[in-house]
């Protein structure tokens, strides 16, 4: 077809590169939370799908959801509700908090955006093709996989699901962060 000139010309899409700084740290806790989702591959070829919320000041992994099935918008709704409830012992924030995530369909779902607003969260999205715009969440995923997933024998999805709570607890209470003067998120919160 190419030799006979029967192919349609390619549509040339001009993309501008966004050079995000990756700096999303805030001056106060409960100002901006970031979120992302990742997969944990098990030895038996099963997967665990995890989404989390992280405070951009104190770096606490506020809450998470996990499933053996791919996450849906209702999973992110549950994550948002759990996060607000954990931080405020209520289903409404004291003031609006930015909820930063990538542009994945589970985050852009209209029902997710509606529940976010009802909870007091303001959905914000990273620039297209710019994972560094959510650098803190991306760094958390790398740290979590390095320090918890890759050092354990993740035999099956059920085994991983049994250990996730323990791993998140350890991250929040014992994992030192250079951005927190080598304190864990909970130690940092208690010192301020």
C-alpha atoms as a PDB file:
ATOM      1  CA  UNK A   1       0.000   0.000   0.000  1.00  0.00           C
ATOM      2  CA  UNK A   2       2.879   2.326   0.788  1.00  0.00           C
ATOM      3  CA  UNK A   3       4.477   1.704  -2.636  1.00  0.00           C
ATOM      4  CA  UNK A   4       1.211   2.589  -4.385  1.00  0.00           C
ATOM      5  CA  UNK A   5       0.531   5.697  -2.244  1.00  0.00           C
ATOM      6  CA  UNK A   6      -2.578   4.246  -0.642  1.00  0.00           C
ATOM      7  CA  UNK A   7      -1.735   5.118   2.971  1.00  0.00           C
ATOM      8  CA  UNK A   8      -3.278   8.118   4.679  1.00  0.00           C
ATOM      9  CA  UNK A   9      -0.784  10.709   5.905  1.00  0.00           C
ATOM     10  CA  UNK A  10       0.027  10.452   9.605  1.00  0.00           C
ATOM     11  CA  UNK A  11      -1.513  13.046  11.841  1.00  0.00           C
ATOM     12  CA  UNK A  12       1.353  14.983  13.343  1.00  0.00           C
ATOM     13  CA  UNK A  13       0.450  15.827  16.934  1.00  0.00           C
ATOM     14  CA  UNK A  14       2.653  18.487  18.435  1.00  0.00           C
ATOM     15  CA  UNK A  15       3.229  17.799  22.134  1.00  0.00           C
ATOM     16  CA  UNK A  16       4.825  20.315  24.387  1.00  0.00           C
ATOM     17  CA  UNK A  17       6.980  18.834  27.092  1.00  0.00           C
ATOM     18  CA  UNK A  18       6.036  19.873  30.584  1.00  0.00           C
ATOM     19  CA  UNK A  19       9.079  20.181  32.778  1.00  0.00           C
ATOM     20  CA  UNK A  20       7.595  19.663  36.226  1.00  0.00           C
ATOM     21  CA  UNK A  21       9.780  20.379  39.199  1.00  0.00           C
ATOM     22  CA  UNK A  22       8.604  17.346  41.168  1.00  0.00           C
ATOM     23  CA  UNK A  23       8.458  19.599  44.246  1.00  0.00           C
ATOM     24  CA  UNK A  24       5.047  19.334  45.808  1.00  0.00           C
ATOM     25  CA  UNK A  25       5.984  19.722  49.472  1.00  0.00           C
ATOM     26  CA  UNK A  26       3.651  22.027  51.395  1.00  0.00           C
ATOM     27  CA  UNK A  27       4.314  24.193  54.447  1.00  0.00           C
ATOM     28  CA  UNK A  28       1.569  22.590  56.556  1.00  0.00           C
ATOM     29  CA  UNK A  29       0.012  19.163  56.923  1.00  0.00           C
ATOM     30  CA  UNK A  30      -3.479  18.683  55.493  1.00  0.00           C
ATOM     31  CA  UNK A  31      -2.899  21.225  52.717  1.00  0.00           C
ATOM     32  CA  UNK A  32      -2.209  18.828  49.825  1.00  0.00           C
ATOM     33  CA  UNK A  33      -2.469  15.057  49.675  1.00  0.00           C
ATOM     34  CA  UNK A  34      -1.129  13.084  46.750  1.00  0.00           C
ATOM     35  CA  UNK A  35      -2.263   9.704  45.522  1.00  0.00           C
ATOM     36  CA  UNK A  36      -1.171   7.065  43.074  1.00  0.00           C
ATOM     37  CA  UNK A  37      -1.773   3.397  42.330  1.00  0.00           C
ATOM     38  CA  UNK A  38       0.654   0.558  41.700  1.00  0.00           C
ATOM     39  CA  UNK A  39       0.785  -3.203  41.223  1.00  0.00           C
ATOM     40  CA  UNK A  40       2.596  -5.854  43.233  1.00  0.00           C
ATOM     41  CA  UNK A  41       3.477  -8.930  41.175  1.00  0.00           C
ATOM     42  CA  UNK A  42       3.455 -12.200  43.118  1.00  0.00           C
ATOM     43  CA  UNK A  43       5.508 -15.356  42.530  1.00  0.00           C
ATOM     44  CA  UNK A  44       2.404 -17.293  41.430  1.00  0.00           C
ATOM     45  CA  UNK A  45       1.642 -14.648  38.730  1.00  0.00           C
ATOM     46  CA  UNK A  46      -1.166 -13.053  40.713  1.00  0.00           C
ATOM     47  CA  UNK A  47      -1.235  -9.295  41.224  1.00  0.00           C
ATOM     48  CA  UNK A  48      -2.260  -7.006  44.049  1.00  0.00           C
ATOM     49  CA  UNK A  49      -3.472  -3.551  43.044  1.00  0.00           C
ATOM     50  CA  UNK A  50      -2.817  -0.822  45.619  1.00  0.00           C
ATOM     51  CA  UNK A  51      -3.765   2.867  45.795  1.00  0.00           C
ATOM     52  CA  UNK A  52      -2.700   5.170  48.623  1.00  0.00           C
ATOM     53  CA  UNK A  53      -2.960   8.718  49.917  1.00  0.00           C
ATOM     54  CA  UNK A  54       0.088  10.583  51.209  1.00  0.00           C
ATOM     55  CA  UNK A  55       0.307  13.935  53.009  1.00  0.00           C
ATOM     56  CA  UNK A  56       2.693  16.222  51.109  1.00  0.00           C
ATOM     57  CA  UNK A  57       4.096  17.778  54.310  1.00  0.00           C
ATOM     58  CA  UNK A  58       4.542  14.998  56.858  1.00  0.00           C
ATOM     59  CA  UNK A  59       4.645  12.197  54.244  1.00  0.00           C
ATOM     60  CA  UNK A  60       2.348   9.907  56.222  1.00  0.00           C
ATOM     61  CA  UNK A  61       0.691   7.227  54.137  1.00  0.00           C
ATOM     62  CA  UNK A  62      -2.727   8.225  55.424  1.00  0.00           C
ATOM     63  CA  UNK A  63      -4.657   5.297  54.028  1.00  0.00           C
ATOM     64  CA  UNK A  64      -4.661   2.703  51.270  1.00  0.00           C
ATOM     65  CA  UNK A  65      -6.945   0.334  49.403  1.00  0.00           C
ATOM     66  CA  UNK A  66      -5.864  -2.984  47.910  1.00  0.00           C
ATOM     67  CA  UNK A  67      -7.476  -5.672  45.811  1.00  0.00           C
ATOM     68  CA  UNK A  68      -6.725  -8.746  43.728  1.00  0.00           C
ATOM     69  CA  UNK A  69      -8.796  -7.123  40.974  1.00  0.00           C
ATOM     70  CA  UNK A  70      -7.883  -3.917  39.121  1.00  0.00           C
ATOM     71  CA  UNK A  71      -8.976  -0.830  41.047  1.00  0.00           C
ATOM     72  CA  UNK A  72     -12.059   1.106  40.001  1.00  0.00           C
ATOM     73  CA  UNK A  73     -13.394   4.564  40.759  1.00  0.00           C
ATOM     74  CA  UNK A  74     -15.265   3.177  43.788  1.00  0.00           C
ATOM     75  CA  UNK A  75     -11.890   2.044  45.183  1.00  0.00           C
ATOM     76  CA  UNK A  76     -10.620   5.648  45.037  1.00  0.00           C
ATOM     77  CA  UNK A  77     -13.865   6.860  46.626  1.00  0.00           C
ATOM     78  CA  UNK A  78     -13.265   4.422  49.497  1.00  0.00           C
ATOM     79  CA  UNK A  79      -9.649   5.634  49.772  1.00  0.00           C
ATOM     80  CA  UNK A  80     -10.765   9.260  49.978  1.00  0.00           C
ATOM     81  CA  UNK A  81     -13.374   8.494  52.651  1.00  0.00           C
ATOM     82  CA  UNK A  82     -10.882   6.488  54.729  1.00  0.00           C
ATOM     83  CA  UNK A  83      -8.247   9.228  54.428  1.00  0.00           C
ATOM     84  CA  UNK A  84     -10.562  12.027  55.549  1.00  0.00           C
ATOM     85  CA  UNK A  85     -12.004   9.902  58.343  1.00  0.00           C
ATOM     86  CA  UNK A  86      -8.546   8.962  59.623  1.00  0.00           C
ATOM     87  CA  UNK A  87      -7.243  12.535  59.668  1.00  0.00           C
ATOM     88  CA  UNK A  88     -10.385  14.331  60.879  1.00  0.00           C
ATOM     89  CA  UNK A  89     -12.528  11.659  62.598  1.00  0.00           C
ATOM     90  CA  UNK A  90     -15.274  12.995  60.352  1.00  0.00           C
ATOM     91  CA  UNK A  91     -16.511  12.737  56.775  1.00  0.00           C
ATOM     92  CA  UNK A  92     -15.581  16.344  56.007  1.00  0.00           C
ATOM     93  CA  UNK A  93     -12.247  18.158  56.117  1.00  0.00           C
ATOM     94  CA  UNK A  94     -11.877  21.297  58.221  1.00  0.00           C
ATOM     95  CA  UNK A  95     -10.779  23.235  55.128  1.00  0.00           C
ATOM     96  CA  UNK A  96     -10.309  22.337  51.477  1.00  0.00           C
ATOM     97  CA  UNK A  97      -7.375  20.005  50.799  1.00  0.00           C
ATOM     98  CA  UNK A  98      -5.888  19.497  47.343  1.00  0.00           C
ATOM     99  CA  UNK A  99      -5.970  15.873  46.144  1.00  0.00           C
ATOM    100  CA  UNK A 100      -3.143  15.496  43.606  1.00  0.00           C
ATOM    101  CA  UNK A 101      -3.103  12.484  41.305  1.00  0.00           C
ATOM    102  CA  UNK A 102      -2.236  11.504  37.771  1.00  0.00           C
ATOM    103  CA  UNK A 103      -4.846  11.562  35.023  1.00  0.00           C
ATOM    104  CA  UNK A 104      -5.809   7.895  35.339  1.00  0.00           C
ATOM    105  CA  UNK A 105      -9.456   7.087  34.656  1.00  0.00           C
ATOM    106  CA  UNK A 106     -10.012   5.905  38.246  1.00  0.00           C
ATOM    107  CA  UNK A 107      -9.135   9.415  39.465  1.00  0.00           C
ATOM    108  CA  UNK A 108     -11.030  11.338  36.763  1.00  0.00           C
ATOM    109  CA  UNK A 109     -14.260   9.381  37.242  1.00  0.00           C
ATOM    110  CA  UNK A 110     -17.138  11.859  37.811  1.00  0.00           C
ATOM    111  CA  UNK A 111     -18.349  10.033  40.920  1.00  0.00           C
ATOM    112  CA  UNK A 112     -14.818  10.252  42.368  1.00  0.00           C
ATOM    113  CA  UNK A 113     -14.717  13.995  41.705  1.00  0.00           C
ATOM    114  CA  UNK A 114     -18.156  14.439  43.317  1.00  0.00           C
ATOM    115  CA  UNK A 115     -17.289  12.543  46.475  1.00  0.00           C
ATOM    116  CA  UNK A 116     -13.991  14.418  46.694  1.00  0.00           C
ATOM    117  CA  UNK A 117     -15.811  17.751  46.717  1.00  0.00           C
ATOM    118  CA  UNK A 118     -18.359  16.473  49.272  1.00  0.00           C
ATOM    119  CA  UNK A 119     -15.491  15.422  51.563  1.00  0.00           C
ATOM    120  CA  UNK A 120     -13.708  18.773  51.212  1.00  0.00           C
ATOM    121  CA  UNK A 121     -11.057  17.602  48.751  1.00  0.00           C
ATOM    122  CA  UNK A 122     -10.157  19.507  45.589  1.00  0.00           C
ATOM    123  CA  UNK A 123      -9.147  17.133  42.757  1.00  0.00           C
ATOM    124  CA  UNK A 124      -5.927  18.292  41.021  1.00  0.00           C
ATOM    125  CA  UNK A 125      -4.172  16.434  38.217  1.00  0.00           C
ATOM    126  CA  UNK A 126      -0.607  16.273  37.018  1.00  0.00           C
ATOM    127  CA  UNK A 127       0.372  17.556  33.608  1.00  0.00           C
ATOM    128  CA  UNK A 128       0.138  14.956  30.815  1.00  0.00           C
ATOM    129  CA  UNK A 129       3.309  12.913  30.265  1.00  0.00           C
ATOM    130  CA  UNK A 130       4.848  14.325  33.435  1.00  0.00           C
ATOM    131  CA  UNK A 131       5.120  11.767  36.266  1.00  0.00           C
ATOM    132  CA  UNK A 132       7.555  14.077  38.088  1.00  0.00           C
ATOM    133  CA  UNK A 133       4.604  16.408  38.716  1.00  0.00           C
ATOM    134  CA  UNK A 134       3.554  13.889  41.362  1.00  0.00           C
ATOM    135  CA  UNK A 135       7.102  13.161  42.450  1.00  0.00           C
ATOM    136  CA  UNK A 136       6.305  12.495  46.088  1.00  0.00           C
ATOM    137  CA  UNK A 137       3.815   9.740  45.215  1.00  0.00           C
ATOM    138  CA  UNK A 138       6.210   8.272  42.644  1.00  0.00           C
ATOM    139  CA  UNK A 139       9.021   8.275  45.240  1.00  0.00           C
ATOM    140  CA  UNK A 140       6.735   6.566  47.766  1.00  0.00           C
ATOM    141  CA  UNK A 141       5.992   3.768  45.287  1.00  0.00           C
ATOM    142  CA  UNK A 142       9.721   3.243  44.691  1.00  0.00           C
ATOM    143  CA  UNK A 143      10.505   3.256  48.416  1.00  0.00           C
ATOM    144  CA  UNK A 144       7.612   0.949  49.259  1.00  0.00           C
ATOM    145  CA  UNK A 145       8.569  -1.588  46.616  1.00  0.00           C
ATOM    146  CA  UNK A 146      12.265  -1.444  47.528  1.00  0.00           C
ATOM    147  CA  UNK A 147      11.845  -1.665  51.305  1.00  0.00           C
ATOM    148  CA  UNK A 148       8.838  -3.975  51.597  1.00  0.00           C
ATOM    149  CA  UNK A 149       7.862  -5.763  48.398  1.00  0.00           C
ATOM    150  CA  UNK A 150      11.254  -6.757  46.960  1.00  0.00           C
ATOM    151  CA  UNK A 151      12.702  -7.923  50.279  1.00  0.00           C
ATOM    152  CA  UNK A 152       9.821 -10.324  50.926  1.00  0.00           C
ATOM    153  CA  UNK A 153       8.787 -13.513  49.192  1.00  0.00           C
ATOM    154  CA  UNK A 154       5.451 -12.412  47.770  1.00  0.00           C
ATOM    155  CA  UNK A 155       4.100 -15.918  47.248  1.00  0.00           C
ATOM    156  CA  UNK A 156       0.513 -15.022  46.450  1.00  0.00           C
ATOM    157  CA  UNK A 157      -1.943 -12.146  46.405  1.00  0.00           C
ATOM    158  CA  UNK A 158      -3.496 -13.390  49.647  1.00  0.00           C
ATOM    159  CA  UNK A 159      -0.071 -13.400  51.334  1.00  0.00           C
ATOM    160  CA  UNK A 160       0.612  -9.815  50.194  1.00  0.00           C
ATOM    161  CA  UNK A 161      -2.824  -8.641  51.320  1.00  0.00           C
ATOM    162  CA  UNK A 162      -2.138 -10.132  54.776  1.00  0.00           C
ATOM    163  CA  UNK A 163       1.112  -8.153  55.095  1.00  0.00           C
ATOM    164  CA  UNK A 164       0.193  -4.763  53.596  1.00  0.00           C
ATOM    165  CA  UNK A 165      -1.121  -3.319  56.876  1.00  0.00           C
ATOM    166  CA  UNK A 166       2.134  -4.241  58.617  1.00  0.00           C
ATOM    167  CA  UNK A 167       4.215  -2.669  55.821  1.00  0.00           C
ATOM    168  CA  UNK A 168       2.253   0.600  55.840  1.00  0.00           C
ATOM    169  CA  UNK A 169       2.499   0.736  59.638  1.00  0.00           C
ATOM    170  CA  UNK A 170       6.276   0.232  59.491  1.00  0.00           C
ATOM    171  CA  UNK A 171       6.616   2.935  56.815  1.00  0.00           C
ATOM    172  CA  UNK A 172       4.660   5.455  58.896  1.00  0.00           C
ATOM    173  CA  UNK A 173       6.261   4.685  62.266  1.00  0.00           C
ATOM    174  CA  UNK A 174       9.859   3.647  61.546  1.00  0.00           C
ATOM    175  CA  UNK A 175      11.019   4.585  58.023  1.00  0.00           C
ATOM    176  CA  UNK A 176      13.342   7.620  58.186  1.00  0.00           C
ATOM    177  CA  UNK A 177      13.002  10.387  55.573  1.00  0.00           C
ATOM    178  CA  UNK A 178      15.757  12.803  54.625  1.00  0.00           C
ATOM    179  CA  UNK A 179      13.090  15.496  54.050  1.00  0.00           C
ATOM    180  CA  UNK A 180      11.921  15.008  57.655  1.00  0.00           C
ATOM    181  CA  UNK A 181      15.361  15.272  59.303  1.00  0.00           C
ATOM    182  CA  UNK A 182      15.632  11.453  59.228  1.00  0.00           C
ATOM    183  CA  UNK A 183      12.436  11.011  61.243  1.00  0.00           C
ATOM    184  CA  UNK A 184       9.511   8.780  60.330  1.00  0.00           C
ATOM    185  CA  UNK A 185       6.225  10.495  59.442  1.00  0.00           C
ATOM    186  CA  UNK A 186       4.735   9.754  62.871  1.00  0.00           C
ATOM    187  CA  UNK A 187       7.891  10.938  64.673  1.00  0.00           C
ATOM    188  CA  UNK A 188       7.800  14.128  62.612  1.00  0.00           C
ATOM    189  CA  UNK A 189       4.129  14.746  63.429  1.00  0.00           C
ATOM    190  CA  UNK A 190       4.808  14.227  67.148  1.00  0.00           C
ATOM    191  CA  UNK A 191       7.744  16.663  67.094  1.00  0.00           C
ATOM    192  CA  UNK A 192       5.671  19.503  65.559  1.00  0.00           C
END
